Amino acid sequence: MKKLISAATSLAMAATMLSAAVPFATGAAAARSMELKAYLNPDGTQASTTINVSDESVTVPVALFATTDADIQALNARFTVNSKNGDASKVVFEGEAPISSGEEYFTTEQTFQTSAGEISTKNLVCWNDKITVSKRGGTTIASAGSYTFFNVAAGDQYNPCTNACMSGVWIGSNYTWAGESSSDFPILVVPVTFPKGLPAGDYTLDFVNEPNDDKGNYSTMMEGAEKYSKATGGIEFAESAALTITVKNDSDEPQVTTEAPKTTEAPKTTEAPKTTVPDAPKTTSPDAANKETDDSITISGGEYTVDFSALSADDVDADGNAYVFVDAMLNDTKGRTVSMLKAFLADLPEGISLDPDEPYVPTFPAVGSSASQFLNGGIYINCLKAGEPVAIDNSQPIIQYTFVVDKTIKSGDYEFTWDQFEVVESSSKDPYEAKKIPGIIHVKNGEAVETTTAAPKTTEPEVTTTAAPKTTEAPKTTEAPKTTEAPKPTQPGDPVWGDTNCDGEVKINDVVILNRWLTDAKAITISDQGKLNADCCDPKDGAGLDINDSDAIIRSIVHLVTLPTQSK
């Protein structure tokens, strides 16, 4: 069983997960429960469960909490809203997905007591987040697992409930609690809006306990050594588990609303989970073919000075080697959006290395992501938010490296650059290379400056000509421009790998549809041709659909694999 999988496939995995997890530490059954509570507002005040919608709409942050031991490796949850004396069909679950681990939520920094000590943050802290304090002094909040939850509007074709609902799954293992127990922090928060003019009444948010299949999987359950649900036992749903919001309406016409209920598109997947950075030797990207360089987007290393005579204790490691905190900046002059970035540093000058403990900070501010993989010596940054590419914030660093400068290094100027910095906008566009502007580290170490063995800083206008090691091929200029012809729907016959919905394109929608079918085959229909197309990992002519196919499709979208592929 995978401990960490892509967010696009985690929902499917929860529905098909085998009960082969770590057994309990004791023989006694642990108390498990789920509960919905009104959470803190973005300004840090406690949200009220009694609201008045006479003059304006009111949004109540609804938090999902769980009480359990740390043996749980999967948690499914679905809840909806109903009312016996109001109109719950007009209540809106805001956004395409709930707010979860590491996302900015508060308008000002809030102070929390965590397992890592007292921290101040604007981000939502979730139940088993891994909280670390960087050598730079900042706090990193990283998800300990994979979140795939989505909000579905009332009337949406994929909504299994009458009114708006939230549904999805968390999967993870080998984690500890962000606080002293699982219930100190929420799993997620859903902003629930009660529109202006909504009829007065009691509106109850409560869990849905329905079977997803005939294999003992339920819409709300926990899974560890066994499956725990309302039907199978081992999990409690007390009356207090539900949350009742009392709505008041002082207007003369309480039945009239001025806001139409929001609808959303088919739910989209959340960000892929952050993976731990291993200490691996540098290699070149496995698919680092020479690609065209787009000069309108640049990656620059910046300029830094290390003066060994002026360093403080915080600036050096235990052996007296100096830290250099490098902020690599990605500057885009066209305002484009990106779905993935690949960064492979070139060999660093002798005497300079990546910090083995923290080679880079596992958050990427320029794209608002904390989802990455360290593969073949390079960093793969997943930039998708709710399944969509994001814009680049030129004012924020894209990668924050930690270099270590050896205490015996000679004074001089030392350049560093990248072998590859690939930009992937979307599955419909070819990836390309960012223009690389080398960084410079000026070292002062007690003697006159000498010529170093590192590549000297060039004085030519085009600095990338001496820094980038890959210059054996000229940029492609003979390629014909792409046509704007609309994609043709898949015709019956040979598979079009990854095209689950047979619309002629392979996009995140194909992953969402396949995941839903894997979760509940009764809720959605995939044609025989669609099954043939989707069966793209270890293909079996449409008969072998599983989570590996979902994972393969999303990896193909961001150009990590070519379909069909084989599982590893």
Protein backbone atom coordinates (compact mmCIF):
# COMPACT_ATOMS: atom_id res chain seq x y z
CA MET A 1 0.00 0.00 0.00
CA LYS A 2 1.31 3.43 -0.89
CA LYS A 3 1.84 5.71 2.08
CA LEU A 4 1.56 8.87 0.02
CA ILE A 5 -0.23 9.04 -3.30
CA SER A 6 -1.31 11.80 -5.63
CA ALA A 7 -4.32 13.81 -4.57
CA ALA A 8 -6.02 12.91 -7.82
CA THR A 9 -6.11 9.22 -6.92
CA SER A 10 -6.64 9.24 -3.16
CA LEU A 11 -10.44 9.21 -3.33
CA ALA A 12 -10.36 6.05 -5.41
CA MET A 13 -7.87 4.44 -3.07
CA ALA A 14 -10.09 5.01 -0.05
CA ALA A 15 -12.89 3.10 -1.70
CA THR A 16 -10.72 0.11 -2.62
CA MET A 17 -8.24 0.12 0.26
CA LEU A 18 -7.37 -3.26 1.76
CA SER A 19 -7.41 -3.70 5.51
CA ALA A 20 -3.70 -4.32 5.81
CA ALA A 21 -2.71 -1.42 8.01
CA VAL A 22 -0.67 -1.31 11.18
CA PRO A 23 -2.45 -3.05 14.09
CA PHE A 24 -3.33 -1.23 17.30
CA ALA A 25 -0.71 -0.70 19.97
CA THR A 26 -3.05 -2.28 22.49
CA GLY A 27 -5.70 -4.94 22.28
CA ALA A 28 -8.43 -2.62 23.51
CA ALA A 29 -10.74 -0.96 21.01
CA ALA A 30 -10.08 2.76 20.72
CA ALA A 31 -12.88 5.32 20.98
CA ARG A 32 -13.47 6.88 17.56
CA SER A 33 -15.89 9.60 16.62
CA MET A 34 -16.44 12.42 14.15
CA GLU A 35 -18.03 15.76 14.89
CA LEU A 36 -18.96 18.99 13.09
CA LYS A 37 -18.36 22.28 14.92
CA ALA A 38 -18.55 25.99 14.19
CA TYR A 39 -14.91 27.07 13.85
CA LEU A 40 -12.99 30.35 14.10
CA ASN A 41 -13.85 33.09 11.63
CA PRO A 42 -11.01 34.34 9.39
CA ASP A 43 -10.55 37.27 11.80
CA GLY A 44 -9.90 34.82 14.66
CA THR A 45 -13.22 35.27 16.46
CA GLN A 46 -15.41 32.28 17.28
CA ALA A 47 -18.23 31.76 14.77
CA SER A 48 -21.76 31.84 16.17
CA THR A 49 -24.39 29.13 15.66
CA THR A 50 -27.19 31.72 15.77
CA ILE A 51 -27.23 34.10 12.81
CA ASN A 52 -29.51 36.71 11.24
CA VAL A 53 -29.85 36.91 7.46
CA SER A 54 -32.35 39.78 7.26
CA ASP A 55 -29.86 42.29 5.86
CA GLU A 56 -26.97 40.23 4.49
CA SER A 57 -25.72 36.73 3.83
CA VAL A 58 -23.79 35.07 6.65
CA THR A 59 -20.98 32.55 6.24
CA VAL A 60 -20.30 30.08 9.05
CA PRO A 61 -16.99 28.14 8.96
CA VAL A 62 -17.91 24.50 9.65
CA ALA A 63 -15.02 22.31 10.84
CA LEU A 64 -14.72 18.54 10.70
CA PHE A 65 -13.09 17.02 13.80
CA ALA A 66 -12.17 13.41 14.58
CA THR A 67 -11.29 11.60 17.79
CA THR A 68 -9.14 8.52 17.20
CA ASP A 69 -5.81 6.85 17.87
CA ALA A 70 -2.99 7.23 15.37
CA ASP A 71 -3.64 3.86 13.73
CA ILE A 72 -6.08 5.30 11.20
CA GLN A 73 -4.76 5.33 7.64
CA ALA A 74 -7.90 6.42 5.79
CA LEU A 75 -10.84 8.62 6.74
CA ASN A 76 -13.89 9.09 4.54
CA ALA A 77 -16.38 11.85 5.35
CA ARG A 78 -19.55 13.15 3.76
CA PHE A 79 -21.92 15.66 5.29
CA THR A 80 -24.83 17.71 4.02
CA VAL A 81 -27.35 20.26 5.27
CA ASN A 82 -31.08 19.77 5.90
CA SER A 83 -33.89 21.70 7.55
CA LYS A 84 -37.39 20.74 8.64
CA ASN A 85 -38.63 24.32 8.89
CA GLY A 86 -36.39 26.22 6.46
CA ASP A 87 -35.10 25.90 2.88
CA ALA A 88 -31.78 24.06 2.93
CA SER A 89 -31.60 23.95 -0.88
CA LYS A 90 -30.41 27.57 -0.83
CA VAL A 91 -27.48 26.95 1.54
CA VAL A 92 -24.12 27.07 -0.26
CA PHE A 93 -20.88 25.24 0.52
CA GLU A 94 -18.35 27.80 -0.72
CA GLY A 95 -15.51 26.91 -3.08
CA GLU A 96 -14.77 23.80 -5.07
CA ALA A 97 -12.99 22.22 -2.13
CA PRO A 98 -12.81 22.76 1.64
CA ILE A 99 -9.94 24.65 3.23
CA SER A 100 -7.37 22.14 4.46
CA SER A 101 -3.77 21.62 5.51
CA GLY A 102 -1.41 24.58 5.09
CA GLU A 103 -3.84 26.84 3.20
CA GLU A 104 -4.00 30.51 4.19
CA TYR A 105 -7.22 31.08 6.10
CA PHE A 106 -6.86 33.84 8.71
CA THR A 107 -6.64 37.53 7.83
CA THR A 108 -4.08 38.14 10.59
CA GLU A 109 -1.61 35.80 12.28
CA GLN A 110 -3.14 33.61 14.98
CA THR A 111 -1.23 31.96 17.82
CA PHE A 112 -1.62 28.23 18.43
CA GLN A 113 -0.02 25.80 20.86
CA THR A 114 1.18 22.80 18.86
CA SER A 115 3.35 19.74 19.33
CA ALA A 116 6.23 21.84 17.93
CA GLY A 117 5.59 24.61 20.46
CA GLU A 118 3.80 27.92 20.10
CA ILE A 119 3.47 29.13 16.52
CA SER A 120 1.91 32.16 14.83
CA THR A 121 0.44 31.69 11.38
CA LYS A 122 -2.26 32.79 8.95
CA ASN A 123 -2.59 29.22 7.70
CA LEU A 124 -5.09 26.62 8.81
CA VAL A 125 -3.49 24.07 11.14
CA CYS A 126 -4.99 20.61 10.67
CA TRP A 127 -5.18 17.56 12.91
CA ASN A 128 -1.95 15.74 12.03
CA ASP A 129 0.03 18.40 10.19
CA LYS A 130 3.80 18.16 10.40
CA ILE A 131 4.96 21.47 11.86
CA THR A 132 8.64 22.41 11.59
CA VAL A 133 10.65 25.57 12.17
CA SER A 134 13.10 26.21 9.33
CA LYS A 135 16.69 27.32 9.78
CA ARG A 136 15.47 30.53 8.21
CA GLY A 137 13.21 31.00 11.23
CA GLY A 138 9.92 30.47 9.38
CA THR A 139 7.28 27.90 10.27
CA THR A 140 6.33 25.23 7.74
CA ILE A 141 2.97 23.49 8.01
CA ALA A 142 2.90 20.40 5.82
CA SER A 143 0.14 17.86 5.30
CA ALA A 144 0.81 14.43 6.80
CA GLY A 145 -1.08 12.60 4.11
CA SER A 146 -3.26 13.14 1.08
CA TYR A 147 -6.46 15.23 1.05
CA THR A 148 -9.09 14.79 -1.66
CA PHE A 149 -12.29 16.51 -0.57
CA PHE A 150 -14.72 18.51 -2.65
CA ASN A 151 -17.85 20.62 -2.20
CA VAL A 152 -20.83 19.86 -4.43
CA ALA A 153 -23.72 22.28 -4.96
CA ALA A 154 -27.38 21.38 -4.65
CA GLY A 155 -28.64 20.13 -8.01
CA ASP A 156 -25.19 19.24 -9.33
CA GLN A 157 -25.29 16.08 -11.44
CA TYR A 158 -22.63 14.49 -9.23
CA ASN A 159 -24.27 15.33 -5.90
CA PRO A 160 -25.52 12.18 -4.12
CA CYS A 161 -27.49 14.35 -1.65
CA THR A 162 -30.57 16.55 -2.05
CA ASN A 163 -28.80 19.68 -0.82
CA ALA A 164 -25.18 20.90 -0.90
CA CYS A 165 -22.68 18.42 0.48
CA MET A 166 -18.98 17.92 1.20
CA SER A 167 -17.41 14.56 0.41
CA GLY A 168 -13.97 13.03 0.17
CA VAL A 169 -11.14 11.22 1.89
CA TRP A 170 -7.90 11.69 3.79
CA ILE A 171 -5.16 9.01 3.53
CA GLY A 172 -1.88 8.85 5.45
CA SER A 173 0.39 6.90 7.77
CA ASN A 174 3.38 7.35 10.09
CA TYR A 175 2.14 10.64 11.49
CA THR A 176 1.78 12.38 14.84
CA TRP A 177 -0.83 14.88 15.99
CA ALA A 178 -0.37 18.61 15.50
CA GLY A 179 -1.59 19.03 19.09
CA GLU A 180 -1.80 16.68 22.04
CA SER A 181 -4.64 14.68 20.51
CA SER A 182 -6.41 14.18 17.19
CA SER A 183 -9.25 16.54 18.09
CA ASP A 184 -7.10 19.57 19.01
CA PHE A 185 -7.22 20.80 15.41
CA PRO A 186 -9.78 20.29 12.61
CA ILE A 187 -9.31 18.01 9.61
CA LEU A 188 -10.75 20.68 7.30
CA VAL A 189 -13.04 23.72 7.26
CA VAL A 190 -15.98 24.36 4.91
CA PRO A 191 -17.31 27.95 4.66
CA VAL A 192 -21.10 27.48 4.60
CA THR A 193 -23.11 30.48 3.40
CA PHE A 194 -26.68 31.14 4.49
CA PRO A 195 -27.96 33.70 1.92
CA LYS A 196 -29.75 36.92 2.67
CA GLY A 197 -33.49 36.40 3.01
CA LEU A 198 -33.21 32.67 3.75
CA PRO A 199 -36.31 31.44 5.64
CA ALA A 200 -35.84 31.36 9.40
CA GLY A 201 -35.42 27.93 10.94
CA ASP A 202 -33.00 25.35 12.24
CA TYR A 203 -30.48 24.12 9.68
CA THR A 204 -28.65 20.92 10.59
CA LEU A 205 -25.30 19.87 9.13
CA ASP A 206 -24.91 16.13 9.66
CA PHE A 207 -22.99 13.14 8.36
CA VAL A 208 -24.24 10.89 5.58
CA ASN A 209 -23.73 7.19 6.35
CA GLU A 210 -24.39 5.35 3.10
CA PRO A 211 -22.58 2.36 1.53
CA ASN A 212 -20.26 3.26 -1.35
CA ASP A 213 -20.16 -0.32 -2.59
CA ASP A 214 -20.77 -3.90 -1.48
CA LYS A 215 -17.27 -4.23 0.03
CA GLY A 216 -17.98 -2.58 3.37
CA ASN A 217 -16.92 0.93 2.33
CA TYR A 218 -19.15 3.74 3.58
CA SER A 219 -19.35 7.44 2.77
CA THR A 220 -18.32 8.23 6.36
CA MET A 221 -15.86 5.84 7.97
CA MET A 222 -12.33 5.32 9.29
CA GLU A 223 -9.98 2.55 8.28
CA GLY A 224 -6.95 1.12 10.00
CA ALA A 225 -6.57 -2.50 11.04
CA GLU A 226 -10.33 -2.72 10.43
CA LYS A 227 -13.05 -0.70 8.78
CA TYR A 228 -15.01 1.43 11.24
CA SER A 229 -18.38 2.87 10.27
CA LYS A 230 -21.83 3.36 11.73
CA ALA A 231 -22.91 0.07 10.18
CA THR A 232 -19.88 -2.02 11.16
CA GLY A 233 -19.30 -0.35 14.54
CA GLY A 234 -16.12 0.99 16.11
CA ILE A 235 -17.06 4.60 15.45
CA GLU A 236 -19.56 6.76 17.31
CA PHE A 237 -21.94 9.35 15.88
CA ALA A 238 -23.53 10.97 18.92
CA GLU A 239 -26.24 13.59 18.62
CA SER A 240 -23.58 16.20 19.30
CA ALA A 241 -21.79 15.12 16.11
CA ALA A 242 -24.23 17.20 14.06
CA LEU A 243 -24.13 20.99 14.00
CA THR A 244 -27.34 23.03 14.11
CA ILE A 245 -27.33 26.62 12.89
CA THR A 246 -30.32 28.69 14.02
CA VAL A 247 -31.23 31.17 11.31
CA LYS A 248 -33.24 34.29 12.13
CA ASN A 249 -34.87 36.51 9.55
CA ASP A 250 -36.59 39.71 10.68
CA SER A 251 -37.67 40.81 7.20
CA ASP A 252 -41.30 41.04 6.17
CA GLU A 253 -40.74 38.60 3.30
CA PRO A 254 -38.58 35.87 4.74
CA GLN A 255 -39.15 33.57 1.75
CA VAL A 256 -37.48 35.93 -0.76
CA THR A 257 -33.77 35.64 -1.41
CA THR A 258 -31.72 38.13 -3.37
CA GLU A 259 -28.93 35.73 -4.18
CA ALA A 260 -29.29 32.73 -6.42
CA PRO A 261 -27.68 29.58 -5.09
CA LYS A 262 -24.21 29.03 -6.45
CA THR A 263 -23.43 26.08 -8.64
CA THR A 264 -20.06 24.57 -9.22
CA GLU A 265 -18.47 22.53 -11.90
CA ALA A 266 -17.68 18.90 -11.39
CA PRO A 267 -15.46 18.66 -8.30
CA LYS A 268 -11.79 18.93 -8.97
CA THR A 269 -8.90 17.26 -7.26
CA THR A 270 -6.75 18.96 -4.65
CA GLU A 271 -3.01 19.39 -4.60
CA ALA A 272 -0.85 16.40 -4.57
CA PRO A 273 0.69 15.79 -1.15
CA LYS A 274 4.16 16.92 -0.23
CA THR A 275 6.71 14.14 -0.10
CA THR A 276 9.70 14.00 2.19
CA VAL A 277 12.96 15.11 0.58
CA PRO A 278 15.49 12.24 0.57
CA ASP A 279 19.22 12.73 0.38
CA ALA A 280 19.79 11.57 -3.18
CA PRO A 281 22.72 12.15 -5.55
CA LYS A 282 22.23 14.76 -8.25
CA THR A 283 21.40 13.48 -11.70
CA THR A 284 19.88 15.04 -14.77
CA SER A 285 16.14 14.89 -15.35
CA PRO A 286 15.24 11.63 -17.12
CA ASP A 287 13.42 13.55 -19.86
CA ALA A 288 15.68 16.60 -20.00
CA ALA A 289 15.77 16.80 -23.78
CA ASN A 290 16.80 20.19 -25.07
CA LYS A 291 13.62 22.23 -25.20
CA GLU A 292 13.02 25.71 -26.50
CA THR A 293 13.90 28.49 -24.08
CA ASP A 294 11.34 31.24 -23.55
CA ASP A 295 13.20 34.45 -22.72
CA SER A 296 10.04 36.04 -21.30
CA ILE A 297 10.26 33.84 -18.20
CA THR A 298 13.50 33.78 -16.21
CA ILE A 299 14.86 31.88 -13.22
CA SER A 300 17.53 33.79 -11.34
CA GLY A 301 19.69 32.80 -8.38
CA GLY A 302 20.41 36.23 -6.92
CA GLU A 303 23.56 37.61 -5.31
CA TYR A 304 24.91 36.77 -1.82
CA THR A 305 27.96 37.61 0.30
CA VAL A 306 29.58 35.30 2.87
CA ASP A 307 32.10 37.05 5.09
CA PHE A 308 33.49 34.43 7.48
CA SER A 309 34.85 37.15 9.77
CA ALA A 310 31.37 38.56 10.38
CA LEU A 311 29.29 35.41 10.84
CA SER A 312 27.19 34.78 13.96
CA ALA A 313 26.47 31.43 15.58
CA ASP A 314 23.16 31.25 13.70
CA ASP A 315 24.97 31.61 10.38
CA VAL A 316 27.11 28.46 10.65
CA ASP A 317 26.66 24.76 11.30
CA ALA A 318 28.31 22.75 14.09
CA ASP A 319 31.55 22.53 12.08
CA GLY A 320 31.77 26.24 11.33
CA ASN A 321 30.61 26.01 7.70
CA ALA A 322 28.44 28.92 6.57
CA TYR A 323 24.79 28.76 5.55
CA VAL A 324 23.62 30.66 2.47
CA PHE A 325 19.85 30.99 2.13
CA VAL A 326 19.19 31.30 -1.59
CA ASP A 327 15.91 32.71 -2.86
CA ALA A 328 15.49 31.62 -6.49
CA MET A 329 13.10 33.98 -8.27
CA LEU A 330 10.90 33.07 -11.23
CA ASN A 331 9.96 36.16 -13.22
CA ASP A 332 7.18 35.91 -15.81
CA THR A 333 6.46 38.92 -18.03
CA LYS A 334 3.37 37.39 -19.69
CA GLY A 335 1.19 36.65 -16.67
CA ARG A 336 0.73 33.01 -17.63
CA THR A 337 -0.42 30.13 -15.42
CA VAL A 338 1.57 26.97 -14.74
CA SER A 339 0.69 23.43 -13.70
CA MET A 340 4.17 22.07 -12.99
CA LEU A 341 7.80 23.15 -12.67
CA LYS A 342 10.96 21.01 -12.76
CA ALA A 343 14.19 22.33 -11.26
CA PHE A 344 17.57 20.58 -11.57
CA LEU A 345 20.57 22.47 -10.19
CA ALA A 346 23.84 22.22 -12.11
CA ASP A 347 26.83 20.91 -10.18
CA LEU A 348 27.72 23.43 -7.50
CA PRO A 349 31.26 24.86 -7.29
CA GLU A 350 33.76 22.93 -5.17
CA GLY A 351 33.36 23.91 -1.53
CA ILE A 352 29.64 24.67 -1.86
CA SER A 353 26.91 22.07 -1.38
CA LEU A 354 23.25 21.69 -0.57
CA ASP A 355 22.45 21.34 3.13
CA PRO A 356 21.87 17.59 3.65
CA ASP A 357 19.27 18.23 6.35
CA GLU A 358 17.27 20.94 4.60
CA PRO A 359 18.31 21.30 0.94
CA TYR A 360 15.26 23.44 0.28
CA VAL A 361 12.20 24.71 2.12
CA PRO A 362 9.25 22.46 1.11
CA THR A 363 6.97 25.38 0.28
CA PHE A 364 7.01 27.34 -2.96
CA PRO A 365 5.59 30.85 -2.34
CA ALA A 366 5.57 32.03 -5.97
CA VAL A 367 2.89 29.45 -6.82
CA GLY A 368 1.37 28.98 -3.35
CA SER A 369 2.17 25.27 -3.26
CA SER A 370 3.64 22.85 -0.75
CA ALA A 371 3.32 19.83 -3.05
CA SER A 372 6.55 18.47 -4.47
CA GLN A 373 8.54 15.38 -5.26
CA PHE A 374 12.31 14.92 -5.17
CA LEU A 375 13.10 12.59 -8.08
CA ASN A 376 16.38 11.85 -9.84
CA GLY A 377 18.04 14.74 -8.02
CA GLY A 378 15.49 17.36 -9.11
CA ILE A 379 12.47 19.07 -7.61
CA TYR A 380 9.09 18.54 -9.28
CA ILE A 381 6.65 21.23 -8.08
CA ASN A 382 2.95 20.54 -8.49
CA CYS A 383 1.32 23.95 -9.06
CA LEU A 384 -2.29 22.81 -9.48
CA LYS A 385 -4.95 24.29 -7.20
CA ALA A 386 -8.26 22.43 -7.26
CA GLY A 387 -7.04 20.83 -10.48
CA GLU A 388 -6.30 24.13 -12.23
CA PRO A 389 -2.96 25.84 -13.08
CA VAL A 390 -2.02 28.89 -11.01
CA ALA A 391 -0.46 32.28 -11.77
CA ILE A 392 3.15 33.03 -10.82
CA ASP A 393 3.73 35.66 -8.14
CA ASN A 394 6.91 37.37 -9.34
CA SER A 395 7.41 39.04 -5.95
CA GLN A 396 7.85 35.73 -4.09
CA PRO A 397 10.67 33.15 -4.34
CA ILE A 398 9.87 29.96 -6.21
CA ILE A 399 12.51 27.82 -4.44
CA GLN A 400 14.33 28.61 -1.19
CA TYR A 401 17.56 26.59 -1.20
CA THR A 402 19.94 26.17 1.72
CA PHE A 403 23.59 26.05 0.60
CA VAL A 404 26.53 25.20 2.86
CA VAL A 405 29.86 26.97 2.18
CA ASP A 406 32.85 25.06 3.47
CA LYS A 407 34.93 26.95 6.04
CA THR A 408 38.14 26.17 4.09
CA ILE A 409 36.93 27.67 0.81
CA LYS A 410 39.07 30.38 -0.75
CA SER A 411 37.81 33.92 -1.19
CA GLY A 412 36.27 34.55 -4.56
CA ASP A 413 33.10 34.77 -6.62
CA TYR A 414 31.22 31.51 -7.15
CA GLU A 415 28.47 31.04 -9.72
CA PHE A 416 25.63 28.54 -9.60
CA THR A 417 22.87 27.84 -12.09
CA TRP A 418 20.46 25.14 -13.27
CA ASP A 419 20.90 22.29 -15.73
CA GLN A 420 17.17 22.40 -16.30
CA PHE A 421 14.27 24.60 -15.25
CA GLU A 422 11.25 23.37 -17.14
CA VAL A 423 7.88 25.12 -17.22
CA VAL A 424 4.70 23.14 -17.91
CA GLU A 425 1.67 25.34 -18.51
CA SER A 426 -0.88 22.63 -19.30
CA SER A 427 -1.32 19.29 -21.02
CA SER A 428 -2.24 21.08 -24.25
CA LYS A 429 1.05 23.00 -24.50
CA ASP A 430 4.60 21.76 -24.90
CA PRO A 431 6.90 22.34 -21.92
CA TYR A 432 9.75 24.80 -22.35
CA GLU A 433 12.85 26.00 -20.51
CA ALA A 434 13.02 29.21 -18.51
CA LYS A 435 15.95 31.51 -19.30
CA LYS A 436 18.56 30.90 -16.59
CA ILE A 437 20.35 33.79 -14.87
CA PRO A 438 23.15 32.43 -12.65
CA GLY A 439 23.41 33.33 -9.00
CA ILE A 440 26.62 34.65 -7.43
CA ILE A 441 28.07 33.95 -3.98
CA HIS A 442 30.83 36.38 -2.98
CA VAL A 443 33.07 34.71 -0.41
CA LYS A 444 35.44 36.58 1.91
CA ASN A 445 37.59 34.21 3.92
CA GLY A 446 40.57 36.08 5.27
CA GLU A 447 42.86 36.23 2.27
CA ALA A 448 43.06 38.05 -1.03
CA VAL A 449 40.55 37.09 -3.65
CA GLU A 450 41.83 34.35 -5.93
CA THR A 451 40.52 32.86 -9.11
CA THR A 452 38.24 29.98 -8.16
CA THR A 453 37.58 26.70 -9.88
CA ALA A 454 33.94 27.67 -10.25
CA ALA A 455 32.72 29.16 -13.48
CA PRO A 456 33.70 32.88 -13.36
CA LYS A 457 31.05 35.52 -13.59
CA THR A 458 30.71 36.46 -17.23
CA THR A 459 30.77 40.07 -18.39
CA GLU A 460 28.93 39.30 -21.60
CA PRO A 461 25.37 40.59 -21.90
CA GLU A 462 23.94 37.08 -22.24
CA VAL A 463 24.97 35.53 -18.93
CA THR A 464 23.25 32.25 -19.62
CA THR A 465 25.70 31.36 -22.39
CA THR A 466 28.43 30.41 -19.90
CA ALA A 467 26.22 29.09 -17.12
CA ALA A 468 23.82 26.66 -18.71
CA PRO A 469 25.60 23.37 -19.42
CA LYS A 470 23.21 22.24 -22.14
CA THR A 471 24.12 24.07 -25.34
CA THR A 472 24.54 21.22 -27.80
CA GLU A 473 21.32 21.87 -29.69
CA ALA A 474 19.98 25.10 -31.08
CA PRO A 475 16.45 26.10 -30.13
CA LYS A 476 13.82 24.56 -32.35
CA THR A 477 12.65 27.02 -34.97
CA THR A 478 11.25 24.84 -37.77
CA GLU A 479 8.32 23.40 -35.84
CA ALA A 480 5.00 24.27 -37.47
CA PRO A 481 2.58 26.27 -35.34
CA LYS A 482 -0.13 24.32 -33.61
CA THR A 483 -3.57 24.39 -35.14
CA THR A 484 -6.54 25.73 -33.24
CA GLU A 485 -8.81 22.99 -34.51
CA ALA A 486 -11.24 21.75 -31.86
CA PRO A 487 -10.48 18.29 -30.43
CA LYS A 488 -12.41 15.46 -32.02
CA PRO A 489 -14.38 13.17 -29.70
CA THR A 490 -12.99 9.69 -29.35
CA GLN A 491 -14.48 7.21 -31.81
CA PRO A 492 -15.14 3.57 -30.84
CA GLY A 493 -12.21 1.30 -31.49
CA ASP A 494 -8.58 1.72 -30.54
CA PRO A 495 -7.93 3.35 -27.14
CA VAL A 496 -7.14 7.05 -26.78
CA TRP A 497 -5.13 6.65 -23.61
CA GLY A 498 -6.44 8.65 -20.65
CA ASP A 499 -9.57 10.06 -22.36
CA THR A 500 -12.10 8.71 -19.85
CA ASN A 501 -14.99 10.90 -21.01
CA CYS A 502 -14.22 10.42 -24.73
CA ASP A 503 -14.18 14.15 -25.54
CA GLY A 504 -10.95 13.97 -27.49
CA GLU A 505 -8.78 15.58 -24.80
CA VAL A 506 -6.91 14.25 -21.76
CA LYS A 507 -7.48 16.62 -18.84
CA ILE A 508 -8.04 16.60 -15.10
CA ASN A 509 -11.77 15.99 -15.77
CA ASP A 510 -10.87 12.49 -16.95
CA VAL A 511 -9.19 11.79 -13.60
CA VAL A 512 -12.16 13.14 -11.62
CA ILE A 513 -14.64 11.00 -13.56
CA LEU A 514 -12.53 7.85 -13.19
CA ASN A 515 -12.04 8.44 -9.46
CA ARG A 516 -15.77 8.84 -8.92
CA TRP A 517 -16.49 5.68 -10.83
CA LEU A 518 -13.92 3.79 -8.78
CA THR A 519 -15.46 5.16 -5.59
CA ASP A 520 -19.08 4.46 -6.51
CA ALA A 521 -19.80 2.85 -9.88
CA LYS A 522 -23.53 3.49 -9.34
CA ALA A 523 -23.06 7.26 -9.16
CA ILE A 524 -21.54 7.72 -12.61
CA THR A 525 -21.38 5.84 -15.91
CA ILE A 526 -18.29 5.38 -18.06
CA SER A 527 -18.79 4.04 -21.58
CA ASP A 528 -17.03 0.91 -22.74
CA GLN A 529 -14.77 3.06 -24.91
CA GLY A 530 -14.08 5.32 -21.92
CA LYS A 531 -13.05 2.30 -19.83
CA LEU A 532 -10.78 1.16 -22.64
CA ASN A 533 -9.21 4.64 -22.80
CA ALA A 534 -8.85 4.94 -19.02
CA ASP A 535 -7.20 1.51 -18.59
CA CYS A 536 -3.79 3.02 -19.35
CA CYS A 537 -1.59 1.51 -16.63
CA ASP A 538 -0.97 -2.20 -17.19
CA PRO A 539 -3.79 -2.16 -19.81
CA LYS A 540 -6.29 -5.03 -19.80
CA ASP A 541 -8.71 -3.80 -22.48
CA GLY A 542 -10.79 -1.84 -19.98
CA ALA A 543 -11.12 -4.66 -17.47
CA GLY A 544 -8.38 -3.60 -15.08
CA LEU A 545 -9.38 -0.09 -13.96
CA ASP A 546 -7.90 0.89 -10.59
CA ILE A 547 -6.11 3.72 -8.79
CA ASN A 548 -2.94 3.14 -10.82
CA ASP A 549 -4.82 4.30 -13.93
CA SER A 550 -5.89 7.53 -12.20
CA ASP A 551 -2.33 8.15 -11.08
CA ALA A 552 -0.99 7.46 -14.57
CA ILE A 553 -3.41 9.92 -16.22
CA ILE A 554 -2.53 12.81 -13.92
CA ARG A 555 1.18 12.06 -14.31
CA SER A 556 0.73 12.18 -18.08
CA ILE A 557 -1.05 15.53 -17.82
CA VAL A 558 2.03 17.05 -16.19
CA HIS A 559 4.39 15.20 -18.53
CA LEU A 560 5.88 12.72 -16.05
CA VAL A 561 4.90 9.63 -18.07
CA THR A 562 3.70 8.71 -21.53
CA LEU A 563 0.58 6.58 -21.78
CA PRO A 564 0.16 3.65 -21.73
CA THR A 565 2.54 2.87 -18.88
CA GLN A 566 3.36 0.09 -16.46
CA SER A 567 3.04 0.11 -12.68
CA LYS A 568 6.22 -0.10 -10.64
